[in-house]
Amino acid sequence: MIAAKKIAEVMGLGRRVHSLSDLSAAVAHGLPKAALRAVVTRVIADPRDRNGILYRIVPEATYKRRKDLLKPEESARTERLARVVATAEYVWDDREDAHAFLTASHPELGNRRPVDVALTELGARRVEDLLWKLFHGLAA
């Protein structure tokens, strides 16, 4: 499992999260909107594609209405994507290689991009399973 501090770092939360308990409390309270933007920006280079992913996590009109904090369910989706990004960065040990993996279609995921698959809970589990197979040198 990836450390809570690494997941928080992907979301730009810095020093506020030191444990899974802290991360869980932050998600339950509602993450800052900036956390979602930080995760999506970390993975997607193209601004239009970036907004497409962001607005699949929180619909555009809702995102624009939000003042500072995301709702808990939006925060959970944000944390899920951050966890997948953190896992990819750990497995590849390189942000650019992780980015390339997350944004290229993969046959084990029905030729879909891992970043797209990871937007659902089951999809995120599939991507994480694939990453751990790669990490352990198993066929993937």
N, C-alpha and C. Protein backbone atom coordinates (compact mmCIF):
# COMPACT_ATOMS: atom_id res chain seq x y z
N MET A 1 0.84 -1.18 0.00
CA MET A 1 0.00 0.00 0.00
C MET A 1 0.88 1.25 0.00
N ILE A 2 0.47 2.24 -0.71
CA ILE A 2 1.19 3.49 -0.82
C ILE A 2 0.95 4.34 0.44
N ALA A 3 1.98 5.00 0.90
CA ALA A 3 1.89 5.82 2.11
C ALA A 3 0.92 6.98 1.91
N ALA A 4 0.18 7.28 2.97
CA ALA A 4 -0.78 8.39 2.94
C ALA A 4 -0.09 9.71 2.61
N LYS A 5 1.13 9.89 3.08
CA LYS A 5 1.86 11.13 2.79
C LYS A 5 2.11 11.30 1.30
N LYS A 6 2.37 10.20 0.60
CA LYS A 6 2.61 10.25 -0.85
C LYS A 6 1.31 10.61 -1.58
N ILE A 7 0.21 10.03 -1.16
CA ILE A 7 -1.09 10.34 -1.76
C ILE A 7 -1.41 11.82 -1.53
N ALA A 8 -1.17 12.29 -0.32
CA ALA A 8 -1.42 13.70 0.01
C ALA A 8 -0.52 14.61 -0.82
N GLU A 9 0.71 14.20 -1.03
CA GLU A 9 1.64 15.00 -1.83
C GLU A 9 1.14 15.14 -3.27
N VAL A 10 0.58 14.06 -3.82
CA VAL A 10 0.02 14.12 -5.18
C VAL A 10 -1.11 15.14 -5.24
N MET A 11 -1.86 15.26 -4.15
CA MET A 11 -2.98 16.21 -4.11
C MET A 11 -2.55 17.61 -3.67
N GLY A 12 -1.27 17.78 -3.40
CA GLY A 12 -0.78 19.09 -2.98
C GLY A 12 -1.17 19.46 -1.56
N LEU A 13 -1.43 18.46 -0.72
CA LEU A 13 -1.84 18.75 0.65
C LEU A 13 -0.67 18.93 1.59
N GLY A 14 0.52 18.62 1.14
CA GLY A 14 1.73 18.87 1.91
C GLY A 14 1.77 18.25 3.27
N ARG A 15 1.99 19.06 4.26
CA ARG A 15 2.27 18.58 5.62
C ARG A 15 1.02 18.30 6.45
N ARG A 16 -0.14 18.47 5.90
CA ARG A 16 -1.36 18.28 6.70
C ARG A 16 -1.72 16.82 6.92
N VAL A 17 -1.16 15.92 6.13
CA VAL A 17 -1.51 14.51 6.22
C VAL A 17 -0.26 13.70 6.54
N HIS A 18 -0.33 12.93 7.65
CA HIS A 18 0.81 12.12 8.07
C HIS A 18 0.46 10.64 8.16
N SER A 19 -0.83 10.31 8.13
CA SER A 19 -1.26 8.93 8.31
C SER A 19 -2.54 8.68 7.52
N LEU A 20 -2.91 7.41 7.41
CA LEU A 20 -4.18 7.08 6.75
C LEU A 20 -5.35 7.68 7.51
N SER A 21 -5.22 7.77 8.82
CA SER A 21 -6.28 8.38 9.63
C SER A 21 -6.44 9.86 9.26
N ASP A 22 -5.34 10.57 9.11
CA ASP A 22 -5.39 11.98 8.70
C ASP A 22 -6.01 12.11 7.31
N LEU A 23 -5.61 11.22 6.40
CA LEU A 23 -6.12 11.26 5.03
C LEU A 23 -7.62 10.99 5.03
N SER A 24 -8.04 10.00 5.79
CA SER A 24 -9.46 9.67 5.88
C SER A 24 -10.27 10.85 6.43
N ALA A 25 -9.75 11.51 7.45
CA ALA A 25 -10.44 12.67 8.03
C ALA A 25 -10.52 13.81 7.03
N ALA A 26 -9.46 14.03 6.28
CA ALA A 26 -9.45 15.10 5.28
C ALA A 26 -10.49 14.83 4.20
N VAL A 27 -10.60 13.58 3.76
CA VAL A 27 -11.58 13.22 2.73
C VAL A 27 -12.99 13.37 3.28
N ALA A 28 -13.21 12.92 4.50
CA ALA A 28 -14.55 13.02 5.11
C ALA A 28 -14.97 14.46 5.31
N HIS A 29 -14.02 15.32 5.64
CA HIS A 29 -14.30 16.75 5.85
C HIS A 29 -14.53 17.47 4.53
N GLY A 30 -13.87 16.99 3.48
CA GLY A 30 -13.94 17.63 2.17
C GLY A 30 -12.59 18.21 1.81
N LEU A 31 -12.03 17.72 0.73
CA LEU A 31 -10.73 18.22 0.28
C LEU A 31 -10.90 19.57 -0.39
N PRO A 32 -9.85 20.37 -0.41
CA PRO A 32 -9.92 21.64 -1.14
C PRO A 32 -10.05 21.37 -2.65
N LYS A 33 -10.75 22.25 -3.33
CA LYS A 33 -10.86 22.14 -4.80
C LYS A 33 -9.49 22.02 -5.44
N ALA A 34 -8.53 22.70 -4.88
CA ALA A 34 -7.17 22.71 -5.43
C ALA A 34 -6.57 21.30 -5.44
N ALA A 35 -7.00 20.43 -4.54
CA ALA A 35 -6.48 19.06 -4.51
C ALA A 35 -6.85 18.32 -5.79
N LEU A 36 -8.08 18.49 -6.23
CA LEU A 36 -8.52 17.86 -7.48
C LEU A 36 -7.74 18.41 -8.65
N ARG A 37 -7.60 19.70 -8.72
CA ARG A 37 -6.84 20.33 -9.81
C ARG A 37 -5.40 19.83 -9.80
N ALA A 38 -4.79 19.70 -8.62
CA ALA A 38 -3.39 19.24 -8.52
C ALA A 38 -3.23 17.82 -9.05
N VAL A 39 -4.16 16.93 -8.71
CA VAL A 39 -4.07 15.54 -9.18
C VAL A 39 -4.19 15.48 -10.69
N VAL A 40 -5.20 16.14 -11.22
CA VAL A 40 -5.45 16.08 -12.66
C VAL A 40 -4.29 16.73 -13.43
N THR A 41 -3.78 17.83 -12.93
CA THR A 41 -2.67 18.51 -13.58
C THR A 41 -1.41 17.65 -13.56
N ARG A 42 -1.24 16.88 -12.53
CA ARG A 42 -0.06 16.02 -12.40
C ARG A 42 -0.04 14.92 -13.46
N VAL A 43 -1.21 14.51 -13.93
CA VAL A 43 -1.29 13.40 -14.88
C VAL A 43 -1.50 13.85 -16.31
N ILE A 44 -2.33 14.85 -16.51
CA ILE A 44 -2.76 15.23 -17.86
C ILE A 44 -2.12 16.55 -18.26
N ALA A 45 -1.43 16.54 -19.39
CA ALA A 45 -0.74 17.75 -19.86
C ALA A 45 -1.68 18.68 -20.64
N ASP A 46 -2.51 18.12 -21.51
CA ASP A 46 -3.38 18.92 -22.36
C ASP A 46 -4.52 19.54 -21.55
N PRO A 47 -4.67 20.88 -21.58
CA PRO A 47 -5.71 21.53 -20.78
C PRO A 47 -7.13 21.04 -21.06
N ARG A 48 -7.46 20.76 -22.30
CA ARG A 48 -8.83 20.28 -22.59
C ARG A 48 -9.06 18.89 -22.03
N ASP A 49 -8.07 18.03 -22.19
CA ASP A 49 -8.16 16.67 -21.64
C ASP A 49 -8.20 16.74 -20.12
N ARG A 50 -7.42 17.66 -19.55
CA ARG A 50 -7.38 17.85 -18.10
C ARG A 50 -8.78 18.20 -17.58
N ASN A 51 -9.43 19.16 -18.24
CA ASN A 51 -10.78 19.54 -17.81
C ASN A 51 -11.76 18.41 -18.02
N GLY A 52 -11.58 17.63 -19.07
CA GLY A 52 -12.46 16.49 -19.30
C GLY A 52 -12.43 15.50 -18.15
N ILE A 53 -11.23 15.20 -17.66
CA ILE A 53 -11.08 14.29 -16.51
C ILE A 53 -11.64 14.95 -15.26
N LEU A 54 -11.27 16.19 -15.01
CA LEU A 54 -11.72 16.91 -13.83
C LEU A 54 -13.25 16.92 -13.76
N TYR A 55 -13.88 17.23 -14.90
CA TYR A 55 -15.35 17.33 -14.90
C TYR A 55 -16.04 15.97 -14.90
N ARG A 56 -15.30 14.89 -15.09
CA ARG A 56 -15.88 13.56 -14.89
C ARG A 56 -15.87 13.21 -13.40
N ILE A 57 -15.02 13.85 -12.64
CA ILE A 57 -14.97 13.63 -11.19
C ILE A 57 -15.99 14.53 -10.50
N VAL A 58 -16.02 15.79 -10.90
CA VAL A 58 -17.02 16.75 -10.41
C VAL A 58 -17.56 17.47 -11.64
N PRO A 59 -18.86 17.37 -11.90
CA PRO A 59 -19.42 18.04 -13.09
C PRO A 59 -19.04 19.52 -13.13
N GLU A 60 -18.85 20.03 -14.35
CA GLU A 60 -18.35 21.38 -14.56
C GLU A 60 -19.13 22.44 -13.77
N ALA A 61 -20.45 22.46 -13.91
CA ALA A 61 -21.24 23.48 -13.21
C ALA A 61 -21.08 23.36 -11.69
N THR A 62 -21.04 22.14 -11.20
CA THR A 62 -20.86 21.92 -9.76
C THR A 62 -19.49 22.39 -9.32
N TYR A 63 -18.46 22.05 -10.10
CA TYR A 63 -17.10 22.47 -9.77
C TYR A 63 -17.00 23.99 -9.70
N LYS A 64 -17.61 24.66 -10.66
CA LYS A 64 -17.54 26.13 -10.69
C LYS A 64 -18.32 26.75 -9.53
N ARG A 65 -19.37 26.07 -9.06
CA ARG A 65 -20.15 26.57 -7.93
C ARG A 65 -19.44 26.36 -6.60
N ARG A 66 -18.63 25.32 -6.51
CA ARG A 66 -17.94 25.03 -5.25
C ARG A 66 -17.04 26.20 -4.89
N LYS A 67 -17.11 26.60 -3.64
CA LYS A 67 -16.27 27.71 -3.20
C LYS A 67 -14.86 27.21 -2.87
N ASP A 68 -14.72 26.45 -1.81
CA ASP A 68 -13.40 26.01 -1.37
C ASP A 68 -13.27 24.49 -1.28
N LEU A 69 -14.27 23.85 -0.71
CA LEU A 69 -14.16 22.42 -0.43
C LEU A 69 -15.06 21.56 -1.32
N LEU A 70 -14.54 20.40 -1.65
CA LEU A 70 -15.35 19.40 -2.36
C LEU A 70 -16.22 18.67 -1.35
N LYS A 71 -17.30 18.10 -1.81
CA LYS A 71 -18.14 17.25 -0.97
C LYS A 71 -17.36 15.97 -0.66
N PRO A 72 -17.72 15.25 0.41
CA PRO A 72 -17.00 14.02 0.75
C PRO A 72 -16.92 13.00 -0.38
N GLU A 73 -18.01 12.81 -1.13
CA GLU A 73 -17.97 11.82 -2.22
C GLU A 73 -17.07 12.29 -3.36
N GLU A 74 -17.02 13.58 -3.61
CA GLU A 74 -16.10 14.13 -4.62
C GLU A 74 -14.65 14.02 -4.13
N SER A 75 -14.48 14.23 -2.84
CA SER A 75 -13.16 14.09 -2.23
C SER A 75 -12.68 12.65 -2.31
N ALA A 76 -13.58 11.70 -2.12
CA ALA A 76 -13.21 10.28 -2.21
C ALA A 76 -12.77 9.94 -3.63
N ARG A 77 -13.45 10.48 -4.63
CA ARG A 77 -13.05 10.23 -6.02
C ARG A 77 -11.69 10.86 -6.31
N THR A 78 -11.46 12.03 -5.74
CA THR A 78 -10.18 12.72 -5.90
C THR A 78 -9.06 11.90 -5.26
N GLU A 79 -9.30 11.43 -4.05
CA GLU A 79 -8.29 10.62 -3.34
C GLU A 79 -8.02 9.34 -4.11
N ARG A 80 -9.05 8.72 -4.67
CA ARG A 80 -8.88 7.48 -5.43
C ARG A 80 -7.93 7.70 -6.61
N LEU A 81 -8.15 8.76 -7.35
CA LEU A 81 -7.27 9.04 -8.49
C LEU A 81 -5.86 9.37 -8.00
N ALA A 82 -5.74 10.12 -6.93
CA ALA A 82 -4.42 10.45 -6.38
C ALA A 82 -3.69 9.18 -5.94
N ARG A 83 -4.43 8.24 -5.37
CA ARG A 83 -3.83 6.96 -4.94
C ARG A 83 -3.29 6.19 -6.13
N VAL A 84 -4.03 6.17 -7.23
CA VAL A 84 -3.57 5.49 -8.44
C VAL A 84 -2.33 6.18 -8.99
N VAL A 85 -2.33 7.50 -9.02
CA VAL A 85 -1.17 8.25 -9.51
C VAL A 85 0.04 7.96 -8.62
N ALA A 86 -0.15 8.01 -7.30
CA ALA A 86 0.95 7.74 -6.37
C ALA A 86 1.49 6.32 -6.55
N THR A 87 0.59 5.37 -6.78
CA THR A 87 1.02 3.99 -7.01
C THR A 87 1.82 3.88 -8.29
N ALA A 88 1.36 4.51 -9.36
CA ALA A 88 2.09 4.48 -10.63
C ALA A 88 3.47 5.10 -10.47
N GLU A 89 3.55 6.20 -9.76
CA GLU A 89 4.85 6.85 -9.56
C GLU A 89 5.79 5.97 -8.73
N TYR A 90 5.23 5.25 -7.77
CA TYR A 90 6.04 4.34 -6.96
C TYR A 90 6.53 3.17 -7.81
N VAL A 91 5.64 2.56 -8.56
CA VAL A 91 5.99 1.40 -9.38
C VAL A 91 7.02 1.76 -10.45
N TRP A 92 6.81 2.86 -11.14
CA TRP A 92 7.71 3.26 -12.22
C TRP A 92 8.95 3.98 -11.70
N ASP A 93 8.88 4.49 -10.47
CA ASP A 93 9.99 5.22 -9.86
C ASP A 93 10.43 6.40 -10.72
N ASP A 94 9.46 6.95 -11.45
CA ASP A 94 9.75 8.09 -12.32
C ASP A 94 8.41 8.72 -12.70
N ARG A 95 8.24 10.01 -12.44
CA ARG A 95 6.96 10.67 -12.72
C ARG A 95 6.62 10.63 -14.21
N GLU A 96 7.60 10.81 -15.06
CA GLU A 96 7.31 10.84 -16.50
C GLU A 96 6.91 9.46 -17.02
N ASP A 97 7.58 8.41 -16.53
CA ASP A 97 7.19 7.05 -16.92
C ASP A 97 5.79 6.72 -16.40
N ALA A 98 5.51 7.15 -15.17
CA ALA A 98 4.18 6.93 -14.60
C ALA A 98 3.14 7.67 -15.43
N HIS A 99 3.43 8.91 -15.82
CA HIS A 99 2.53 9.70 -16.66
C HIS A 99 2.28 8.98 -17.98
N ALA A 100 3.34 8.46 -18.59
CA ALA A 100 3.20 7.75 -19.87
C ALA A 100 2.31 6.52 -19.70
N PHE A 101 2.50 5.78 -18.62
CA PHE A 101 1.67 4.61 -18.36
C PHE A 101 0.20 5.00 -18.18
N LEU A 102 -0.04 6.02 -17.37
CA LEU A 102 -1.41 6.41 -17.04
C LEU A 102 -2.19 6.98 -18.22
N THR A 103 -1.49 7.51 -19.20
CA THR A 103 -2.17 8.18 -20.31
C THR A 103 -2.12 7.42 -21.63
N ALA A 104 -1.56 6.21 -21.62
CA ALA A 104 -1.53 5.39 -22.83
C ALA A 104 -2.50 4.22 -22.66
N SER A 105 -3.20 3.86 -23.71
CA SER A 105 -4.13 2.73 -23.61
C SER A 105 -3.36 1.46 -23.29
N HIS A 106 -4.02 0.56 -22.59
CA HIS A 106 -3.37 -0.69 -22.17
C HIS A 106 -4.30 -1.86 -22.49
N PRO A 107 -3.76 -2.92 -23.11
CA PRO A 107 -4.61 -4.06 -23.50
C PRO A 107 -5.30 -4.74 -22.32
N GLU A 108 -4.66 -4.76 -21.15
CA GLU A 108 -5.28 -5.39 -19.97
C GLU A 108 -6.49 -4.59 -19.46
N LEU A 109 -6.64 -3.39 -19.95
CA LEU A 109 -7.75 -2.53 -19.52
C LEU A 109 -8.70 -2.25 -20.68
N GLY A 110 -8.77 -3.22 -21.60
CA GLY A 110 -9.66 -3.06 -22.75
C GLY A 110 -9.22 -1.95 -23.68
N ASN A 111 -7.91 -1.75 -23.76
CA ASN A 111 -7.33 -0.68 -24.59
C ASN A 111 -7.80 0.71 -24.18
N ARG A 112 -8.10 0.86 -22.91
CA ARG A 112 -8.45 2.17 -22.35
C ARG A 112 -7.26 2.70 -21.57
N ARG A 113 -7.23 4.00 -21.38
CA ARG A 113 -6.16 4.61 -20.59
C ARG A 113 -6.40 4.33 -19.11
N PRO A 114 -5.35 3.97 -18.37
CA PRO A 114 -5.51 3.74 -16.93
C PRO A 114 -6.16 4.91 -16.20
N VAL A 115 -5.83 6.15 -16.59
CA VAL A 115 -6.42 7.31 -15.92
C VAL A 115 -7.94 7.33 -16.10
N ASP A 116 -8.43 6.87 -17.23
CA ASP A 116 -9.88 6.82 -17.45
C ASP A 116 -10.52 5.67 -16.68
N VAL A 117 -9.87 4.54 -16.68
CA VAL A 117 -10.40 3.36 -15.96
C VAL A 117 -10.46 3.64 -14.47
N ALA A 118 -9.48 4.36 -13.95
CA ALA A 118 -9.36 4.60 -12.52
C ALA A 118 -10.41 5.55 -11.95
N LEU A 119 -11.31 6.04 -12.75
CA LEU A 119 -12.32 6.97 -12.25
C LEU A 119 -13.44 6.30 -11.48
N THR A 120 -13.50 4.97 -11.53
CA THR A 120 -14.46 4.23 -10.71
C THR A 120 -13.67 3.41 -9.69
N GLU A 121 -14.32 3.01 -8.63
CA GLU A 121 -13.63 2.23 -7.59
C GLU A 121 -13.10 0.91 -8.15
N LEU A 122 -13.94 0.17 -8.86
CA LEU A 122 -13.48 -1.09 -9.43
C LEU A 122 -12.40 -0.87 -10.47
N GLY A 123 -12.53 0.17 -11.25
CA GLY A 123 -11.52 0.49 -12.24
C GLY A 123 -10.18 0.82 -11.59
N ALA A 124 -10.22 1.59 -10.52
CA ALA A 124 -8.99 1.94 -9.80
C ALA A 124 -8.33 0.67 -9.27
N ARG A 125 -9.12 -0.26 -8.77
CA ARG A 125 -8.57 -1.53 -8.30
C ARG A 125 -7.91 -2.29 -9.44
N ARG A 126 -8.53 -2.29 -10.61
CA ARG A 126 -7.94 -2.96 -11.78
C ARG A 126 -6.60 -2.34 -12.13
N VAL A 127 -6.53 -1.01 -12.14
CA VAL A 127 -5.29 -0.32 -12.48
C VAL A 127 -4.23 -0.62 -11.42
N GLU A 128 -4.60 -0.56 -10.16
CA GLU A 128 -3.64 -0.85 -9.10
C GLU A 128 -3.15 -2.29 -9.18
N ASP A 129 -4.04 -3.24 -9.46
CA ASP A 129 -3.62 -4.64 -9.63
C ASP A 129 -2.61 -4.77 -10.78
N LEU A 130 -2.90 -4.09 -11.88
CA LEU A 130 -2.00 -4.12 -13.03
C LEU A 130 -0.64 -3.52 -12.65
N LEU A 131 -0.65 -2.42 -11.94
CA LEU A 131 0.61 -1.80 -11.53
C LEU A 131 1.42 -2.72 -10.63
N TRP A 132 0.77 -3.39 -9.68
CA TRP A 132 1.50 -4.29 -8.79
C TRP A 132 2.02 -5.51 -9.53
N LYS A 133 1.30 -5.97 -10.54
CA LYS A 133 1.82 -7.06 -11.37
C LYS A 133 3.10 -6.60 -12.08
N LEU A 134 3.07 -5.41 -12.63
CA LEU A 134 4.26 -4.87 -13.29
C LEU A 134 5.41 -4.72 -12.29
N PHE A 135 5.09 -4.26 -11.11
CA PHE A 135 6.11 -4.05 -10.07
C PHE A 135 6.80 -5.37 -9.71
N HIS A 136 6.00 -6.44 -9.64
CA HIS A 136 6.53 -7.75 -9.24
C HIS A 136 7.03 -8.57 -10.43
N GLY A 137 7.02 -7.97 -11.62
CA GLY A 137 7.57 -8.64 -12.78
C GLY A 137 6.67 -9.70 -13.38
N LEU A 138 5.39 -9.63 -13.09
CA LEU A 138 4.44 -10.58 -13.66
C LEU A 138 3.96 -10.08 -15.02
N ALA A 139 3.53 -10.98 -15.85
CA ALA A 139 3.02 -10.59 -17.16
C ALA A 139 1.82 -9.69 -17.01
N ALA A 140 1.85 -8.57 -17.70
CA ALA A 140 0.72 -7.63 -17.65
C ALA A 140 0.57 -6.94 -18.98
